[in-house]
Amino acid sequence: MRHDEVECWDPSPAVIHSFASTGELTGAKCVTTDQGIVCGWDCKTSYRETKCAQTPKGVCTLNRGKLTCFDPPLAPVIHTP
């Protein structure tokens, strides 16, 4: 929640499918800043922005005042009848 703003967030279906059975979906959080609300994993804040990775194995780094997040590719979801 930020001021009168409420943010609801869920990981993408691909992230849920890839990580639900491993128990790695825990640890996601939402961070409130003056700029807004961001949600995910490994959240980092600089003086200008806040970013979060969108997968449990994602990583965010702060280098020279610039935030960058990297999420490894997810395995394709294959449904067999």
PDB file of N, CA and C in Angstrom:
ATOM      1  N   MET A   1       0.842  -1.174   0.000  1.00  0.00           N
ATOM      2  CA  MET A   1       0.000   0.000   0.000  1.00  0.00           C
ATOM      3  C   MET A   1       0.888   1.238   0.000  1.00  0.00           C
ATOM      4  N   ARG A   2       0.515   2.195  -0.789  1.00  0.00           N
ATOM      5  CA  ARG A   2       1.232   3.465  -0.870  1.00  0.00           C
ATOM      6  C   ARG A   2       0.189   4.572  -0.940  1.00  0.00           C
ATOM      7  N   HIS A   3       0.222   5.459   0.013  1.00  0.00           N
ATOM      8  CA  HIS A   3      -0.792   6.510   0.132  1.00  0.00           C
ATOM      9  C   HIS A   3      -2.161   5.838   0.096  1.00  0.00           C
ATOM     10  N   ASP A   4      -2.988   6.154  -0.895  1.00  0.00           N
ATOM     11  CA  ASP A   4      -4.299   5.512  -1.041  1.00  0.00           C
ATOM     12  C   ASP A   4      -4.275   4.459  -2.151  1.00  0.00           C
ATOM     13  N   GLU A   5      -3.114   4.015  -2.513  1.00  0.00           N
ATOM     14  CA  GLU A   5      -2.938   3.073  -3.618  1.00  0.00           C
ATOM     15  C   GLU A   5      -2.621   1.679  -3.063  1.00  0.00           C
ATOM     16  N   VAL A   6      -3.324   0.676  -3.542  1.00  0.00           N
ATOM     17  CA  VAL A   6      -3.080  -0.696  -3.129  1.00  0.00           C
ATOM     18  C   VAL A   6      -2.597  -1.473  -4.343  1.00  0.00           C
ATOM     19  N   GLU A   7      -1.550  -2.220  -4.193  1.00  0.00           N
ATOM     20  CA  GLU A   7      -0.993  -3.026  -5.285  1.00  0.00           C
ATOM     21  C   GLU A   7      -1.148  -4.495  -4.944  1.00  0.00           C
ATOM     22  N   CYS A   8      -1.695  -5.256  -5.855  1.00  0.00           N
ATOM     23  CA  CYS A   8      -1.754  -6.715  -5.718  1.00  0.00           C
ATOM     24  C   CYS A   8      -0.859  -7.299  -6.799  1.00  0.00           C
ATOM     25  N   TRP A   9      -0.119  -8.325  -6.441  1.00  0.00           N
ATOM     26  CA  TRP A   9       0.854  -8.876  -7.386  1.00  0.00           C
ATOM     27  C   TRP A   9       0.948 -10.376  -7.247  1.00  0.00           C
ATOM     28  N   ASP A  10       1.047 -11.053  -8.363  1.00  0.00           N
ATOM     29  CA  ASP A  10       1.319 -12.485  -8.421  1.00  0.00           C
ATOM     30  C   ASP A  10       2.398 -12.704  -9.465  1.00  0.00           C
ATOM     31  N   PRO A  11       3.262 -13.685  -9.261  1.00  0.00           N
ATOM     32  CA  PRO A  11       4.225 -14.017 -10.308  1.00  0.00           C
ATOM     33  C   PRO A  11       3.483 -14.467 -11.570  1.00  0.00           C
ATOM     34  N   SER A  12       4.151 -14.414 -12.689  1.00  0.00           N
ATOM     35  CA  SER A  12       3.532 -14.842 -13.939  1.00  0.00           C
ATOM     36  C   SER A  12       3.206 -16.338 -13.870  1.00  0.00           C
ATOM     37  N   PRO A  13       2.256 -16.799 -14.673  1.00  0.00           N
ATOM     38  CA  PRO A  13       1.951 -18.235 -14.694  1.00  0.00           C
ATOM     39  C   PRO A  13       3.180 -19.105 -14.999  1.00  0.00           C
ATOM     40  N   ALA A  14       4.059 -18.646 -15.871  1.00  0.00           N
ATOM     41  CA  ALA A  14       5.267 -19.422 -16.194  1.00  0.00           C
ATOM     42  C   ALA A  14       6.173 -19.560 -14.974  1.00  0.00           C
ATOM     43  N   VAL A  15       6.289 -18.503 -14.181  1.00  0.00           N
ATOM     44  CA  VAL A  15       7.109 -18.553 -12.962  1.00  0.00           C
ATOM     45  C   VAL A  15       6.472 -19.500 -11.948  1.00  0.00           C
ATOM     46  N   ILE A  16       5.163 -19.408 -11.784  1.00  0.00           N
ATOM     47  CA  ILE A  16       4.471 -20.305 -10.858  1.00  0.00           C
ATOM     48  C   ILE A  16       4.666 -21.755 -11.290  1.00  0.00           C
ATOM     49  N   HIS A  17       4.496 -22.023 -12.566  1.00  0.00           N
ATOM     50  CA  HIS A  17       4.653 -23.385 -13.073  1.00  0.00           C
ATOM     51  C   HIS A  17       6.081 -23.908 -12.867  1.00  0.00           C
ATOM     52  N   SER A  18       7.065 -23.051 -13.071  1.00  0.00           N
ATOM     53  CA  SER A  18       8.462 -23.473 -12.967  1.00  0.00           C
ATOM     54  C   SER A  18       8.941 -23.670 -11.536  1.00  0.00           C
ATOM     55  N   PHE A  19       8.397 -22.911 -10.586  1.00  0.00           N
ATOM     56  CA  PHE A  19       8.953 -22.910  -9.236  1.00  0.00           C
ATOM     57  C   PHE A  19       8.016 -23.405  -8.133  1.00  0.00           C
ATOM     58  N   ALA A  20       6.751 -23.638  -8.432  1.00  0.00           N
ATOM     59  CA  ALA A  20       5.806 -24.030  -7.382  1.00  0.00           C
ATOM     60  C   ALA A  20       6.210 -25.335  -6.694  1.00  0.00           C
ATOM     61  N   SER A  21       6.685 -26.298  -7.448  1.00  0.00           N
ATOM     62  CA  SER A  21       7.018 -27.595  -6.851  1.00  0.00           C
ATOM     63  C   SER A  21       8.335 -27.568  -6.086  1.00  0.00           C
ATOM     64  N   THR A  22       9.155 -26.537  -6.288  1.00  0.00           N
ATOM     65  CA  THR A  22      10.452 -26.473  -5.612  1.00  0.00           C
ATOM     66  C   THR A  22      10.402 -25.705  -4.298  1.00  0.00           C
ATOM     67  N   GLY A  23       9.302 -25.031  -4.031  1.00  0.00           N
ATOM     68  CA  GLY A  23       9.187 -24.233  -2.816  1.00  0.00           C
ATOM     69  C   GLY A  23       9.897 -22.896  -2.895  1.00  0.00           C
ATOM     70  N   GLU A  24      10.368 -22.514  -4.083  1.00  0.00           N
ATOM     71  CA  GLU A  24      11.135 -21.270  -4.231  1.00  0.00           C
ATOM     72  C   GLU A  24      10.273 -20.035  -4.443  1.00  0.00           C
ATOM     73  N   LEU A  25       8.957 -20.175  -4.455  1.00  0.00           N
ATOM     74  CA  LEU A  25       8.112 -19.003  -4.664  1.00  0.00           C
ATOM     75  C   LEU A  25       8.034 -18.112  -3.435  1.00  0.00           C
ATOM     76  N   THR A  26       8.532 -18.566  -2.307  1.00  0.00           N
ATOM     77  CA  THR A  26       8.531 -17.728  -1.114  1.00  0.00           C
ATOM     78  C   THR A  26       9.609 -16.655  -1.250  1.00  0.00           C
ATOM     79  N   GLY A  27       9.486 -15.622  -0.487  1.00  0.00           N
ATOM     80  CA  GLY A  27      10.503 -14.580  -0.467  1.00  0.00           C
ATOM     81  C   GLY A  27      10.229 -13.396  -1.364  1.00  0.00           C
ATOM     82  N   ALA A  28       9.194 -13.472  -2.196  1.00  0.00           N
ATOM     83  CA  ALA A  28       8.838 -12.307  -3.007  1.00  0.00           C
ATOM     84  C   ALA A  28       8.283 -11.232  -2.081  1.00  0.00           C
ATOM     85  N   LYS A  29       8.475  -9.982  -2.470  1.00  0.00           N
ATOM     86  CA  LYS A  29       7.952  -8.886  -1.656  1.00  0.00           C
ATOM     87  C   LYS A  29       7.618  -7.705  -2.536  1.00  0.00           C
ATOM     88  N   CYS A  30       6.890  -6.778  -1.977  1.00  0.00           N
ATOM     89  CA  CYS A  30       6.593  -5.515  -2.649  1.00  0.00           C
ATOM     90  C   CYS A  30       7.282  -4.401  -1.874  1.00  0.00           C
ATOM     91  N   VAL A  31       7.864  -3.478  -2.617  1.00  0.00           N
ATOM     92  CA  VAL A  31       8.596  -2.362  -2.028  1.00  0.00           C
ATOM     93  C   VAL A  31       7.904  -1.067  -2.440  1.00  0.00           C
ATOM     94  N   THR A  32       7.653  -0.212  -1.476  1.00  0.00           N
ATOM     95  CA  THR A  32       6.995   1.067  -1.714  1.00  0.00           C
ATOM     96  C   THR A  32       8.028   2.182  -1.697  1.00  0.00           C
ATOM     97  N   THR A  33       8.015   3.011  -2.736  1.00  0.00           N
ATOM     98  CA  THR A  33       8.901   4.175  -2.808  1.00  0.00           C
ATOM     99  C   THR A  33       8.076   5.391  -3.209  1.00  0.00           C
ATOM    100  N   ASP A  34       8.724   6.539  -3.294  1.00  0.00           N
ATOM    101  CA  ASP A  34       8.036   7.741  -3.766  1.00  0.00           C
ATOM    102  C   ASP A  34       7.573   7.592  -5.213  1.00  0.00           C
ATOM    103  N   GLN A  35       8.266   6.740  -5.986  1.00  0.00           N
ATOM    104  CA  GLN A  35       7.929   6.560  -7.394  1.00  0.00           C
ATOM    105  C   GLN A  35       6.785   5.567  -7.612  1.00  0.00           C
ATOM    106  N   GLY A  36       6.509   4.715  -6.655  1.00  0.00           N
ATOM    107  CA  GLY A  36       5.439   3.733  -6.818  1.00  0.00           C
ATOM    108  C   GLY A  36       5.716   2.473  -6.032  1.00  0.00           C
ATOM    109  N   ILE A  37       5.103   1.397  -6.483  1.00  0.00           N
ATOM    110  CA  ILE A  37       5.239   0.101  -5.835  1.00  0.00           C
ATOM    111  C   ILE A  37       5.792  -0.886  -6.853  1.00  0.00           C
ATOM    112  N   VAL A  38       6.807  -1.653  -6.464  1.00  0.00           N
ATOM    113  CA  VAL A  38       7.340  -2.712  -7.314  1.00  0.00           C
ATOM    114  C   VAL A  38       7.365  -4.003  -6.515  1.00  0.00           C
ATOM    115  N   CYS A  39       7.177  -5.111  -7.208  1.00  0.00           N
ATOM    116  CA  CYS A  39       7.108  -6.405  -6.534  1.00  0.00           C
ATOM    117  C   CYS A  39       7.967  -7.436  -7.250  1.00  0.00           C
ATOM    118  N   GLY A  40       8.506  -8.363  -6.479  1.00  0.00           N
ATOM    119  CA  GLY A  40       9.301  -9.448  -7.036  1.00  0.00           C
ATOM    120  C   GLY A  40      10.317  -9.943  -6.026  1.00  0.00           C
ATOM    121  N   TRP A  41      11.454 -10.394  -6.536  1.00  0.00           N
ATOM    122  CA  TRP A  41      12.538 -10.948  -5.709  1.00  0.00           C
ATOM    123  C   TRP A  41      13.781 -10.082  -5.855  1.00  0.00           C
ATOM    124  N   ASP A  42      14.637 -10.132  -4.854  1.00  0.00           N
ATOM    125  CA  ASP A  42      15.925  -9.428  -4.854  1.00  0.00           C
ATOM    126  C   ASP A  42      15.763  -7.946  -5.207  1.00  0.00           C
ATOM    127  N   CYS A  43      14.812  -7.294  -4.576  1.00  0.00           N
ATOM    128  CA  CYS A  43      14.527  -5.879  -4.862  1.00  0.00           C
ATOM    129  C   CYS A  43      15.685  -4.997  -4.394  1.00  0.00           C
ATOM    130  N   LYS A  44      16.024  -4.030  -5.211  1.00  0.00           N
ATOM    131  CA  LYS A  44      17.078  -3.063  -4.897  1.00  0.00           C
ATOM    132  C   LYS A  44      16.552  -1.659  -5.167  1.00  0.00           C
ATOM    133  N   THR A  45      17.079  -0.695  -4.404  1.00  0.00           N
ATOM    134  CA  THR A  45      16.670   0.699  -4.555  1.00  0.00           C
ATOM    135  C   THR A  45      17.895   1.570  -4.747  1.00  0.00           C
ATOM    136  N   SER A  46      17.812   2.473  -5.721  1.00  0.00           N
ATOM    137  CA  SER A  46      18.834   3.496  -5.898  1.00  0.00           C
ATOM    138  C   SER A  46      18.183   4.828  -5.530  1.00  0.00           C
ATOM    139  N   TYR A  47      18.901   5.900  -5.703  1.00  0.00           N
ATOM    140  CA  TYR A  47      18.315   7.203  -5.380  1.00  0.00           C
ATOM    141  C   TYR A  47      17.232   7.599  -6.379  1.00  0.00           C
ATOM    142  N   ARG A  48      17.163   6.928  -7.534  1.00  0.00           N
ATOM    143  CA  ARG A  48      16.173   7.288  -8.553  1.00  0.00           C
ATOM    144  C   ARG A  48      15.088   6.252  -8.778  1.00  0.00           C
ATOM    145  N   GLU A  49      15.366   4.987  -8.471  1.00  0.00           N
ATOM    146  CA  GLU A  49      14.415   3.949  -8.848  1.00  0.00           C
ATOM    147  C   GLU A  49      14.520   2.724  -7.944  1.00  0.00           C
ATOM    148  N   THR A  50      13.517   1.885  -8.047  1.00  0.00           N
ATOM    149  CA  THR A  50      13.507   0.596  -7.366  1.00  0.00           C
ATOM    150  C   THR A  50      13.100  -0.447  -8.391  1.00  0.00           C
ATOM    151  N   LYS A  51      13.795  -1.575  -8.388  1.00  0.00           N
ATOM    152  CA  LYS A  51      13.473  -2.669  -9.311  1.00  0.00           C
ATOM    153  C   LYS A  51      13.547  -3.989  -8.572  1.00  0.00           C
ATOM    154  N   CYS A  52      12.783  -4.962  -9.064  1.00  0.00           N
ATOM    155  CA  CYS A  52      12.799  -6.316  -8.516  1.00  0.00           C
ATOM    156  C   CYS A  52      12.908  -7.310  -9.669  1.00  0.00           C
ATOM    157  N   ALA A  53      13.606  -8.403  -9.423  1.00  0.00           N
ATOM    158  CA  ALA A  53      13.632  -9.501 -10.381  1.00  0.00           C
ATOM    159  C   ALA A  53      12.247 -10.137 -10.405  1.00  0.00           C
ATOM    160  N   GLN A  54      11.901 -10.763 -11.499  1.00  0.00           N
ATOM    161  CA  GLN A  54      10.570 -11.345 -11.639  1.00  0.00           C
ATOM    162  C   GLN A  54      10.545 -12.861 -11.490  1.00  0.00           C
ATOM    163  N   THR A  55      11.696 -13.452 -11.149  1.00  0.00           N
ATOM    164  CA  THR A  55      11.767 -14.881 -10.848  1.00  0.00           C
ATOM    165  C   THR A  55      12.568 -15.063  -9.560  1.00  0.00           C
ATOM    166  N   PRO A  56      12.368 -16.170  -8.853  1.00  0.00           N
ATOM    167  CA  PRO A  56      13.121 -16.395  -7.616  1.00  0.00           C
ATOM    168  C   PRO A  56      14.628 -16.477  -7.822  1.00  0.00           C
ATOM    169  N   LYS A  57      15.073 -16.855  -9.019  1.00  0.00           N
ATOM    170  CA  LYS A  57      16.516 -16.948  -9.283  1.00  0.00           C
ATOM    171  C   LYS A  57      17.057 -15.694  -9.958  1.00  0.00           C
ATOM    172  N   GLY A  58      16.217 -14.689 -10.118  1.00  0.00           N
ATOM    173  CA  GLY A  58      16.649 -13.430 -10.708  1.00  0.00           C
ATOM    174  C   GLY A  58      17.527 -12.649  -9.755  1.00  0.00           C
ATOM    175  N   VAL A  59      18.322 -11.756 -10.324  1.00  0.00           N
ATOM    176  CA  VAL A  59      19.267 -10.959  -9.547  1.00  0.00           C
ATOM    177  C   VAL A  59      19.191  -9.509 -10.012  1.00  0.00           C
ATOM    178  N   CYS A  60      19.162  -8.595  -9.045  1.00  0.00           N
ATOM    179  CA  CYS A  60      19.224  -7.167  -9.362  1.00  0.00           C
ATOM    180  C   CYS A  60      20.538  -6.613  -8.822  1.00  0.00           C
ATOM    181  N   THR A  61      21.177  -5.752  -9.603  1.00  0.00           N
ATOM    182  CA  THR A  61      22.446  -5.162  -9.187  1.00  0.00           C
ATOM    183  C   THR A  61      22.386  -3.649  -9.350  1.00  0.00           C
ATOM    184  N   LEU A  62      23.137  -2.984  -8.522  1.00  0.00           N
ATOM    185  CA  LEU A  62      23.279  -1.536  -8.588  1.00  0.00           C
ATOM    186  C   LEU A  62      24.722  -1.242  -8.953  1.00  0.00           C
ATOM    187  N   ASN A  63      24.921  -0.606 -10.107  1.00  0.00           N
ATOM    188  CA  ASN A  63      26.260  -0.297 -10.584  1.00  0.00           C
ATOM    189  C   ASN A  63      26.288   1.149 -11.063  1.00  0.00           C
ATOM    190  N   ARG A  64      27.067   1.973 -10.392  1.00  0.00           N
ATOM    191  CA  ARG A  64      27.192   3.397 -10.736  1.00  0.00           C
ATOM    192  C   ARG A  64      25.844   4.104 -10.767  1.00  0.00           C
ATOM    193  N   GLY A  65      25.005   3.767  -9.796  1.00  0.00           N
ATOM    194  CA  GLY A  65      23.715   4.430  -9.675  1.00  0.00           C
ATOM    195  C   GLY A  65      22.634   3.885 -10.586  1.00  0.00           C
ATOM    196  N   LYS A  66      22.937   2.870 -11.405  1.00  0.00           N
ATOM    197  CA  LYS A  66      21.952   2.298 -12.325  1.00  0.00           C
ATOM    198  C   LYS A  66      21.571   0.896 -11.872  1.00  0.00           C
ATOM    199  N   LEU A  67      20.275   0.664 -11.769  1.00  0.00           N
ATOM    200  CA  LEU A  67      19.771  -0.650 -11.387  1.00  0.00           C
ATOM    201  C   LEU A  67      19.504  -1.498 -12.624  1.00  0.00           C
ATOM    202  N   THR A  68      19.931  -2.743 -12.555  1.00  0.00           N
ATOM    203  CA  THR A  68      19.684  -3.694 -13.630  1.00  0.00           C
ATOM    204  C   THR A  68      19.251  -5.009 -13.002  1.00  0.00           C
ATOM    205  N   CYS A  69      18.198  -5.597 -13.559  1.00  0.00           N
ATOM    206  CA  CYS A  69      17.755  -6.908 -13.084  1.00  0.00           C
ATOM    207  C   CYS A  69      17.858  -7.914 -14.219  1.00  0.00           C
ATOM    208  N   PHE A  70      18.280  -9.118 -13.869  1.00  0.00           N
ATOM    209  CA  PHE A  70      18.384 -10.209 -14.830  1.00  0.00           C
ATOM    210  C   PHE A  70      17.619 -11.405 -14.294  1.00  0.00           C
ATOM    211  N   ASP A  71      16.763 -11.959 -15.129  1.00  0.00           N
ATOM    212  CA  ASP A  71      16.046 -13.182 -14.795  1.00  0.00           C
ATOM    213  C   ASP A  71      16.474 -14.264 -15.775  1.00  0.00           C
ATOM    214  N   PRO A  72      16.949 -15.409 -15.264  1.00  0.00           N
ATOM    215  CA  PRO A  72      17.335 -16.480 -16.180  1.00  0.00           C
ATOM    216  C   PRO A  72      16.116 -16.976 -16.958  1.00  0.00           C
ATOM    217  N   PRO A  73      16.349 -17.492 -18.154  1.00  0.00           N
ATOM    218  CA  PRO A  73      15.222 -17.997 -18.948  1.00  0.00           C
ATOM    219  C   PRO A  73      14.533 -19.156 -18.232  1.00  0.00           C
ATOM    220  N   LEU A  74      13.237 -19.225 -18.416  1.00  0.00           N
ATOM    221  CA  LEU A  74      12.451 -20.312 -17.831  1.00  0.00           C
ATOM    222  C   LEU A  74      12.322 -21.442 -18.853  1.00  0.00           C
ATOM    223  N   ALA A  75      12.234 -22.635 -18.336  1.00  0.00           N
ATOM    224  CA  ALA A  75      12.012 -23.792 -19.210  1.00  0.00           C
ATOM    225  C   ALA A  75      10.625 -23.653 -19.840  1.00  0.00           C
ATOM    226  N   PRO A  76      10.468 -24.075 -21.079  1.00  0.00           N
ATOM    227  CA  PRO A  76       9.152 -23.978 -21.709  1.00  0.00           C
ATOM    228  C   PRO A  76       8.133 -24.847 -20.973  1.00  0.00           C
ATOM    229  N   VAL A  77       6.906 -24.359 -20.944  1.00  0.00           N
ATOM    230  CA  VAL A  77       5.819 -25.118 -20.317  1.00  0.00           C
ATOM    231  C   VAL A  77       5.199 -25.986 -21.394  1.00  0.00           C
ATOM    232  N   ILE A  78       5.222 -27.295 -21.174  1.00  0.00           N
ATOM    233  CA  ILE A  78       4.669 -28.232 -22.147  1.00  0.00           C
ATOM    234  C   ILE A  78       3.537 -28.999 -21.464  1.00  0.00           C
ATOM    235  N   HIS A  79       2.374 -28.925 -22.064  1.00  0.00           N
ATOM    236  CA  HIS A  79       1.234 -29.657 -21.554  1.00  0.00           C
ATOM    237  C   HIS A  79       0.951 -30.819 -22.482  1.00  0.00           C
ATOM    238  N   THR A  80       0.954 -32.005 -21.949  1.00  0.00           N
ATOM    239  CA  THR A  80       0.636 -33.165 -22.760  1.00  0.00           C
ATOM    240  C   THR A  80      -0.726 -33.722 -22.339  1.00  0.00           C
ATOM    241  N   PRO A  81      -1.524 -34.088 -23.309  1.00  0.00           N
ATOM    242  CA  PRO A  81      -2.864 -34.592 -22.979  1.00  0.00           C
ATOM    243  C   PRO A  81      -2.816 -35.958 -22.330  1.00  0.00           C
TER     244      PRO A  81
END
